[in-house]
Amino acid sequence: IDFSDHWSFNKFGYPALMVTDTAFFRNRNYHAPTDLPDTLDYARMAKVVEGLKAAIEEWTGCVE
């Protein structure tokens, strides 16, 4: 998948990971003038970050 910022890192040999919720398919506000902070679900985003942290810790063996 080459449509995100991670691609440039991967292209030059740096490990890269793309995490997406495919917002552009589901969120009518994505990259539009109506894409404002009050349209986001912060509680859900926090849960995603917690899950990603746990997954990355497991993958890397680095646990806080």
PDB file of N, CA and C in Angstrom:
ATOM      1  N   ILE A   1       0.869  -1.178   0.000  1.00  0.00           N
ATOM      2  CA  ILE A   1       0.000   0.000   0.000  1.00  0.00           C
ATOM      3  C   ILE A   1       0.903   1.224   0.000  1.00  0.00           C
ATOM      4  N   ASP A   2       0.746   2.063  -0.981  1.00  0.00           N
ATOM      5  CA  ASP A   2       1.672   3.192  -1.122  1.00  0.00           C
ATOM      6  C   ASP A   2       0.998   4.556  -1.059  1.00  0.00           C
ATOM      7  N   PHE A   3      -0.139   4.650  -0.410  1.00  0.00           N
ATOM      8  CA  PHE A   3      -0.823   5.938  -0.386  1.00  0.00           C
ATOM      9  C   PHE A   3      -0.759   6.623   0.970  1.00  0.00           C
ATOM     10  N   SER A   4       0.308   6.409   1.719  1.00  0.00           N
ATOM     11  CA  SER A   4       0.427   7.051   3.020  1.00  0.00           C
ATOM     12  C   SER A   4       1.882   7.402   3.314  1.00  0.00           C
ATOM     13  N   ASP A   5       2.093   8.100   4.415  1.00  0.00           N
ATOM     14  CA  ASP A   5       3.423   8.579   4.783  1.00  0.00           C
ATOM     15  C   ASP A   5       4.426   7.459   5.021  1.00  0.00           C
ATOM     16  N   HIS A   6       3.960   6.300   5.440  1.00  0.00           N
ATOM     17  CA  HIS A   6       4.876   5.198   5.750  1.00  0.00           C
ATOM     18  C   HIS A   6       5.665   4.742   4.523  1.00  0.00           C
ATOM     19  N   TRP A   7       5.123   4.938   3.353  1.00  0.00           N
ATOM     20  CA  TRP A   7       5.730   4.418   2.129  1.00  0.00           C
ATOM     21  C   TRP A   7       7.137   4.965   1.907  1.00  0.00           C
ATOM     22  N   SER A   8       7.329   6.258   2.171  1.00  0.00           N
ATOM     23  CA  SER A   8       8.651   6.864   1.960  1.00  0.00           C
ATOM     24  C   SER A   8       9.702   6.222   2.848  1.00  0.00           C
ATOM     25  N   PHE A   9       9.337   5.896   4.084  1.00  0.00           N
ATOM     26  CA  PHE A   9      10.291   5.239   4.984  1.00  0.00           C
ATOM     27  C   PHE A   9      10.619   3.843   4.468  1.00  0.00           C
ATOM     28  N   ASN A  10       9.599   3.093   4.125  1.00  0.00           N
ATOM     29  CA  ASN A  10       9.781   1.727   3.638  1.00  0.00           C
ATOM     30  C   ASN A  10      10.615   1.713   2.351  1.00  0.00           C
ATOM     31  N   LYS A  11      10.374   2.665   1.482  1.00  0.00           N
ATOM     32  CA  LYS A  11      11.085   2.754   0.207  1.00  0.00           C
ATOM     33  C   LYS A  11      12.597   2.860   0.407  1.00  0.00           C
ATOM     34  N   PHE A  12      13.017   3.511   1.496  1.00  0.00           N
ATOM     35  CA  PHE A  12      14.439   3.692   1.763  1.00  0.00           C
ATOM     36  C   PHE A  12      14.976   2.718   2.809  1.00  0.00           C
ATOM     37  N   GLY A  13      14.249   1.621   3.034  1.00  0.00           N
ATOM     38  CA  GLY A  13      14.753   0.546   3.873  1.00  0.00           C
ATOM     39  C   GLY A  13      14.464   0.644   5.354  1.00  0.00           C
ATOM     40  N   TYR A  14      13.656   1.618   5.767  1.00  0.00           N
ATOM     41  CA  TYR A  14      13.298   1.726   7.176  1.00  0.00           C
ATOM     42  C   TYR A  14      12.025   0.930   7.427  1.00  0.00           C
ATOM     43  N   PRO A  15      12.001   0.155   8.505  1.00  0.00           N
ATOM     44  CA  PRO A  15      10.765  -0.570   8.809  1.00  0.00           C
ATOM     45  C   PRO A  15       9.625   0.430   9.004  1.00  0.00           C
ATOM     46  N   ALA A  16       8.491   0.128   8.442  1.00  0.00           N
ATOM     47  CA  ALA A  16       7.357   1.042   8.533  1.00  0.00           C
ATOM     48  C   ALA A  16       6.069   0.251   8.679  1.00  0.00           C
ATOM     49  N   LEU A  17       5.119   0.861   9.318  1.00  0.00           N
ATOM     50  CA  LEU A  17       3.830   0.233   9.566  1.00  0.00           C
ATOM     51  C   LEU A  17       2.739   1.240   9.281  1.00  0.00           C
ATOM     52  N   MET A  18       1.750   0.827   8.550  1.00  0.00           N
ATOM     53  CA  MET A  18       0.596   1.683   8.306  1.00  0.00           C
ATOM     54  C   MET A  18      -0.571   1.144   9.115  1.00  0.00           C
ATOM     55  N   VAL A  19      -1.142   2.002   9.916  1.00  0.00           N
ATOM     56  CA  VAL A  19      -2.331   1.654  10.685  1.00  0.00           C
ATOM     57  C   VAL A  19      -3.441   2.551  10.169  1.00  0.00           C
ATOM     58  N   THR A  20      -4.513   1.961   9.738  1.00  0.00           N
ATOM     59  CA  THR A  20      -5.602   2.759   9.190  1.00  0.00           C
ATOM     60  C   THR A  20      -6.949   2.202   9.603  1.00  0.00           C
ATOM     61  N   ASP A  21      -7.875   3.099   9.753  1.00  0.00           N
ATOM     62  CA  ASP A  21      -9.259   2.676   9.976  1.00  0.00           C
ATOM     63  C   ASP A  21     -10.077   2.909   8.704  1.00  0.00           C
ATOM     64  N   THR A  22      -9.383   3.130   7.611  1.00  0.00           N
ATOM     65  CA  THR A  22      -9.987   3.398   6.295  1.00  0.00           C
ATOM     66  C   THR A  22     -11.035   4.509   6.368  1.00  0.00           C
ATOM     67  N   ALA A  23     -10.669   5.582   7.072  1.00  0.00           N
ATOM     68  CA  ALA A  23     -11.595   6.697   7.280  1.00  0.00           C
ATOM     69  C   ALA A  23     -12.150   7.253   5.976  1.00  0.00           C
ATOM     70  N   PHE A  24     -11.331   7.254   4.947  1.00  0.00           N
ATOM     71  CA  PHE A  24     -11.786   7.829   3.679  1.00  0.00           C
ATOM     72  C   PHE A  24     -12.940   7.044   3.070  1.00  0.00           C
ATOM     73  N   PHE A  25     -13.154   5.802   3.515  1.00  0.00           N
ATOM     74  CA  PHE A  25     -14.303   5.025   3.050  1.00  0.00           C
ATOM     75  C   PHE A  25     -15.537   5.252   3.920  1.00  0.00           C
ATOM     76  N   ARG A  26     -15.347   5.647   5.188  1.00  0.00           N
ATOM     77  CA  ARG A  26     -16.459   5.695   6.126  1.00  0.00           C
ATOM     78  C   ARG A  26     -16.819   7.079   6.641  1.00  0.00           C
ATOM     79  N   ASN A  27     -15.880   8.005   6.632  1.00  0.00           N
ATOM     80  CA  ASN A  27     -16.116   9.302   7.253  1.00  0.00           C
ATOM     81  C   ASN A  27     -16.290  10.373   6.185  1.00  0.00           C
ATOM     82  N   ARG A  28     -17.488  10.885   6.051  1.00  0.00           N
ATOM     83  CA  ARG A  28     -17.757  11.888   5.010  1.00  0.00           C
ATOM     84  C   ARG A  28     -16.992  13.183   5.244  1.00  0.00           C
ATOM     85  N   ASN A  29     -16.474  13.382   6.454  1.00  0.00           N
ATOM     86  CA  ASN A  29     -15.718  14.596   6.776  1.00  0.00           C
ATOM     87  C   ASN A  29     -14.231  14.491   6.436  1.00  0.00           C
ATOM     88  N   TYR A  30     -13.739  13.293   6.172  1.00  0.00           N
ATOM     89  CA  TYR A  30     -12.304  13.068   5.992  1.00  0.00           C
ATOM     90  C   TYR A  30     -11.733  13.946   4.879  1.00  0.00           C
ATOM     91  N   HIS A  31     -10.725  14.761   5.239  1.00  0.00           N
ATOM     92  CA  HIS A  31     -10.043  15.678   4.316  1.00  0.00           C
ATOM     93  C   HIS A  31     -11.006  16.639   3.625  1.00  0.00           C
ATOM     94  N   ALA A  32     -12.059  17.004   4.322  1.00  0.00           N
ATOM     95  CA  ALA A  32     -13.031  17.976   3.811  1.00  0.00           C
ATOM     96  C   ALA A  32     -13.040  19.182   4.755  1.00  0.00           C
ATOM     97  N   PRO A  33     -13.627  20.294   4.340  1.00  0.00           N
ATOM     98  CA  PRO A  33     -13.703  21.463   5.230  1.00  0.00           C
ATOM     99  C   PRO A  33     -14.407  21.152   6.556  1.00  0.00           C
ATOM    100  N   THR A  34     -15.234  20.130   6.566  1.00  0.00           N
ATOM    101  CA  THR A  34     -15.953  19.738   7.784  1.00  0.00           C
ATOM    102  C   THR A  34     -15.161  18.767   8.656  1.00  0.00           C
ATOM    103  N   ASP A  35     -13.915  18.464   8.282  1.00  0.00           N
ATOM    104  CA  ASP A  35     -13.052  17.553   9.047  1.00  0.00           C
ATOM    105  C   ASP A  35     -12.472  18.327  10.231  1.00  0.00           C
ATOM    106  N   LEU A  36     -13.267  18.430  11.285  1.00  0.00           N
ATOM    107  CA  LEU A  36     -12.937  19.243  12.450  1.00  0.00           C
ATOM    108  C   LEU A  36     -12.811  18.377  13.700  1.00  0.00           C
ATOM    109  N   PRO A  37     -12.094  18.863  14.714  1.00  0.00           N
ATOM    110  CA  PRO A  37     -11.899  18.075  15.935  1.00  0.00           C
ATOM    111  C   PRO A  37     -13.192  17.587  16.583  1.00  0.00           C
ATOM    112  N   ASP A  38     -14.241  18.366  16.503  1.00  0.00           N
ATOM    113  CA  ASP A  38     -15.484  17.949  17.171  1.00  0.00           C
ATOM    114  C   ASP A  38     -16.220  16.832  16.430  1.00  0.00           C
ATOM    115  N   THR A  39     -15.720  16.409  15.280  1.00  0.00           N
ATOM    116  CA  THR A  39     -16.350  15.291  14.563  1.00  0.00           C
ATOM    117  C   THR A  39     -15.665  13.962  14.864  1.00  0.00           C
ATOM    118  N   LEU A  40     -14.643  13.978  15.722  1.00  0.00           N
ATOM    119  CA  LEU A  40     -13.868  12.775  16.013  1.00  0.00           C
ATOM    120  C   LEU A  40     -14.358  12.079  17.282  1.00  0.00           C
ATOM    121  N   ASP A  41     -14.154  10.785  17.348  1.00  0.00           N
ATOM    122  CA  ASP A  41     -14.531   9.976  18.508  1.00  0.00           C
ATOM    123  C   ASP A  41     -13.257   9.705  19.315  1.00  0.00           C
ATOM    124  N   TYR A  42     -12.978  10.581  20.267  1.00  0.00           N
ATOM    125  CA  TYR A  42     -11.728  10.501  21.022  1.00  0.00           C
ATOM    126  C   TYR A  42     -11.659   9.273  21.918  1.00  0.00           C
ATOM    127  N   ALA A  43     -12.759   8.845  22.473  1.00  0.00           N
ATOM    128  CA  ALA A  43     -12.761   7.646  23.315  1.00  0.00           C
ATOM    129  C   ALA A  43     -12.369   6.421  22.488  1.00  0.00           C
ATOM    130  N   ARG A  44     -12.909   6.327  21.300  1.00  0.00           N
ATOM    131  CA  ARG A  44     -12.566   5.198  20.425  1.00  0.00           C
ATOM    132  C   ARG A  44     -11.100   5.273  19.994  1.00  0.00           C
ATOM    133  N   MET A  45     -10.622   6.479  19.685  1.00  0.00           N
ATOM    134  CA  MET A  45      -9.218   6.627  19.298  1.00  0.00           C
ATOM    135  C   MET A  45      -8.295   6.202  20.433  1.00  0.00           C
ATOM    136  N   ALA A  46      -8.652   6.524  21.677  1.00  0.00           N
ATOM    137  CA  ALA A  46      -7.833   6.132  22.827  1.00  0.00           C
ATOM    138  C   ALA A  46      -7.759   4.614  22.940  1.00  0.00           C
ATOM    139  N   LYS A  47      -8.869   3.938  22.696  1.00  0.00           N
ATOM    140  CA  LYS A  47      -8.871   2.472  22.740  1.00  0.00           C
ATOM    141  C   LYS A  47      -7.969   1.892  21.648  1.00  0.00           C
ATOM    142  N   VAL A  48      -7.992   2.491  20.481  1.00  0.00           N
ATOM    143  CA  VAL A  48      -7.136   2.031  19.383  1.00  0.00           C
ATOM    144  C   VAL A  48      -5.664   2.202  19.759  1.00  0.00           C
ATOM    145  N   VAL A  49      -5.325   3.346  20.337  1.00  0.00           N
ATOM    146  CA  VAL A  49      -3.938   3.599  20.741  1.00  0.00           C
ATOM    147  C   VAL A  49      -3.496   2.588  21.799  1.00  0.00           C
ATOM    148  N   GLU A  50      -4.360   2.301  22.757  1.00  0.00           N
ATOM    149  CA  GLU A  50      -4.027   1.307  23.785  1.00  0.00           C
ATOM    150  C   GLU A  50      -3.777  -0.063  23.146  1.00  0.00           C
ATOM    151  N   GLY A  51      -4.620  -0.438  22.193  1.00  0.00           N
ATOM    152  CA  GLY A  51      -4.443  -1.715  21.505  1.00  0.00           C
ATOM    153  C   GLY A  51      -3.164  -1.760  20.692  1.00  0.00           C
ATOM    154  N   LEU A  52      -2.858  -0.674  19.990  1.00  0.00           N
ATOM    155  CA  LEU A  52      -1.621  -0.613  19.209  1.00  0.00           C
ATOM    156  C   LEU A  52      -0.396  -0.685  20.112  1.00  0.00           C
ATOM    157  N   LYS A  53      -0.448   0.008  21.234  1.00  0.00           N
ATOM    158  CA  LYS A  53       0.670  -0.027  22.184  1.00  0.00           C
ATOM    159  C   LYS A  53       0.918  -1.455  22.642  1.00  0.00           C
ATOM    160  N   ALA A  54      -0.140  -2.156  23.006  1.00  0.00           N
ATOM    161  CA  ALA A  54      -0.005  -3.540  23.467  1.00  0.00           C
ATOM    162  C   ALA A  54       0.555  -4.436  22.361  1.00  0.00           C
ATOM    163  N   ALA A  55       0.070  -4.260  21.139  1.00  0.00           N
ATOM    164  CA  ALA A  55       0.549  -5.079  20.021  1.00  0.00           C
ATOM    165  C   ALA A  55       2.020  -4.809  19.731  1.00  0.00           C
ATOM    166  N   ILE A  56       2.408  -3.547  19.713  1.00  0.00           N
ATOM    167  CA  ILE A  56       3.804  -3.194  19.429  1.00  0.00           C
ATOM    168  C   ILE A  56       4.721  -3.704  20.533  1.00  0.00           C
ATOM    169  N   GLU A  57       4.279  -3.594  21.782  1.00  0.00           N
ATOM    170  CA  GLU A  57       5.079  -4.129  22.886  1.00  0.00           C
ATOM    171  C   GLU A  57       5.283  -5.634  22.726  1.00  0.00           C
ATOM    172  N   GLU A  58       4.230  -6.328  22.336  1.00  0.00           N
ATOM    173  CA  GLU A  58       4.343  -7.777  22.153  1.00  0.00           C
ATOM    174  C   GLU A  58       5.270  -8.116  20.986  1.00  0.00           C
ATOM    175  N   TRP A  59       5.109  -7.418  19.865  1.00  0.00           N
ATOM    176  CA  TRP A  59       5.930  -7.687  18.679  1.00  0.00           C
ATOM    177  C   TRP A  59       7.407  -7.437  18.939  1.00  0.00           C
ATOM    178  N   THR A  60       7.693  -6.371  19.698  1.00  0.00           N
ATOM    179  CA  THR A  60       9.087  -5.970  19.892  1.00  0.00           C
ATOM    180  C   THR A  60       9.714  -6.544  21.156  1.00  0.00           C
ATOM    181  N   GLY A  61       8.891  -7.054  22.054  1.00  0.00           N
ATOM    182  CA  GLY A  61       9.399  -7.553  23.329  1.00  0.00           C
ATOM    183  C   GLY A  61       9.727  -6.444  24.308  1.00  0.00           C
ATOM    184  N   CYS A  62       9.362  -5.218  23.975  1.00  0.00           N
ATOM    185  CA  CYS A  62       9.604  -4.064  24.851  1.00  0.00           C
ATOM    186  C   CYS A  62       8.319  -3.726  25.583  1.00  0.00           C
ATOM    187  N   VAL A  63       8.246  -4.141  26.829  1.00  0.00           N
ATOM    188  CA  VAL A  63       7.040  -3.896  27.618  1.00  0.00           C
ATOM    189  C   VAL A  63       7.394  -2.949  28.746  1.00  0.00           C
ATOM    190  N   GLU A  64       6.562  -1.905  28.906  1.00  0.00           N
ATOM    191  CA  GLU A  64       6.799  -0.957  30.007  1.00  0.00           C
ATOM    192  C   GLU A  64       6.433  -1.580  31.323  1.00  0.00           C
TER     193      GLU A  64
END
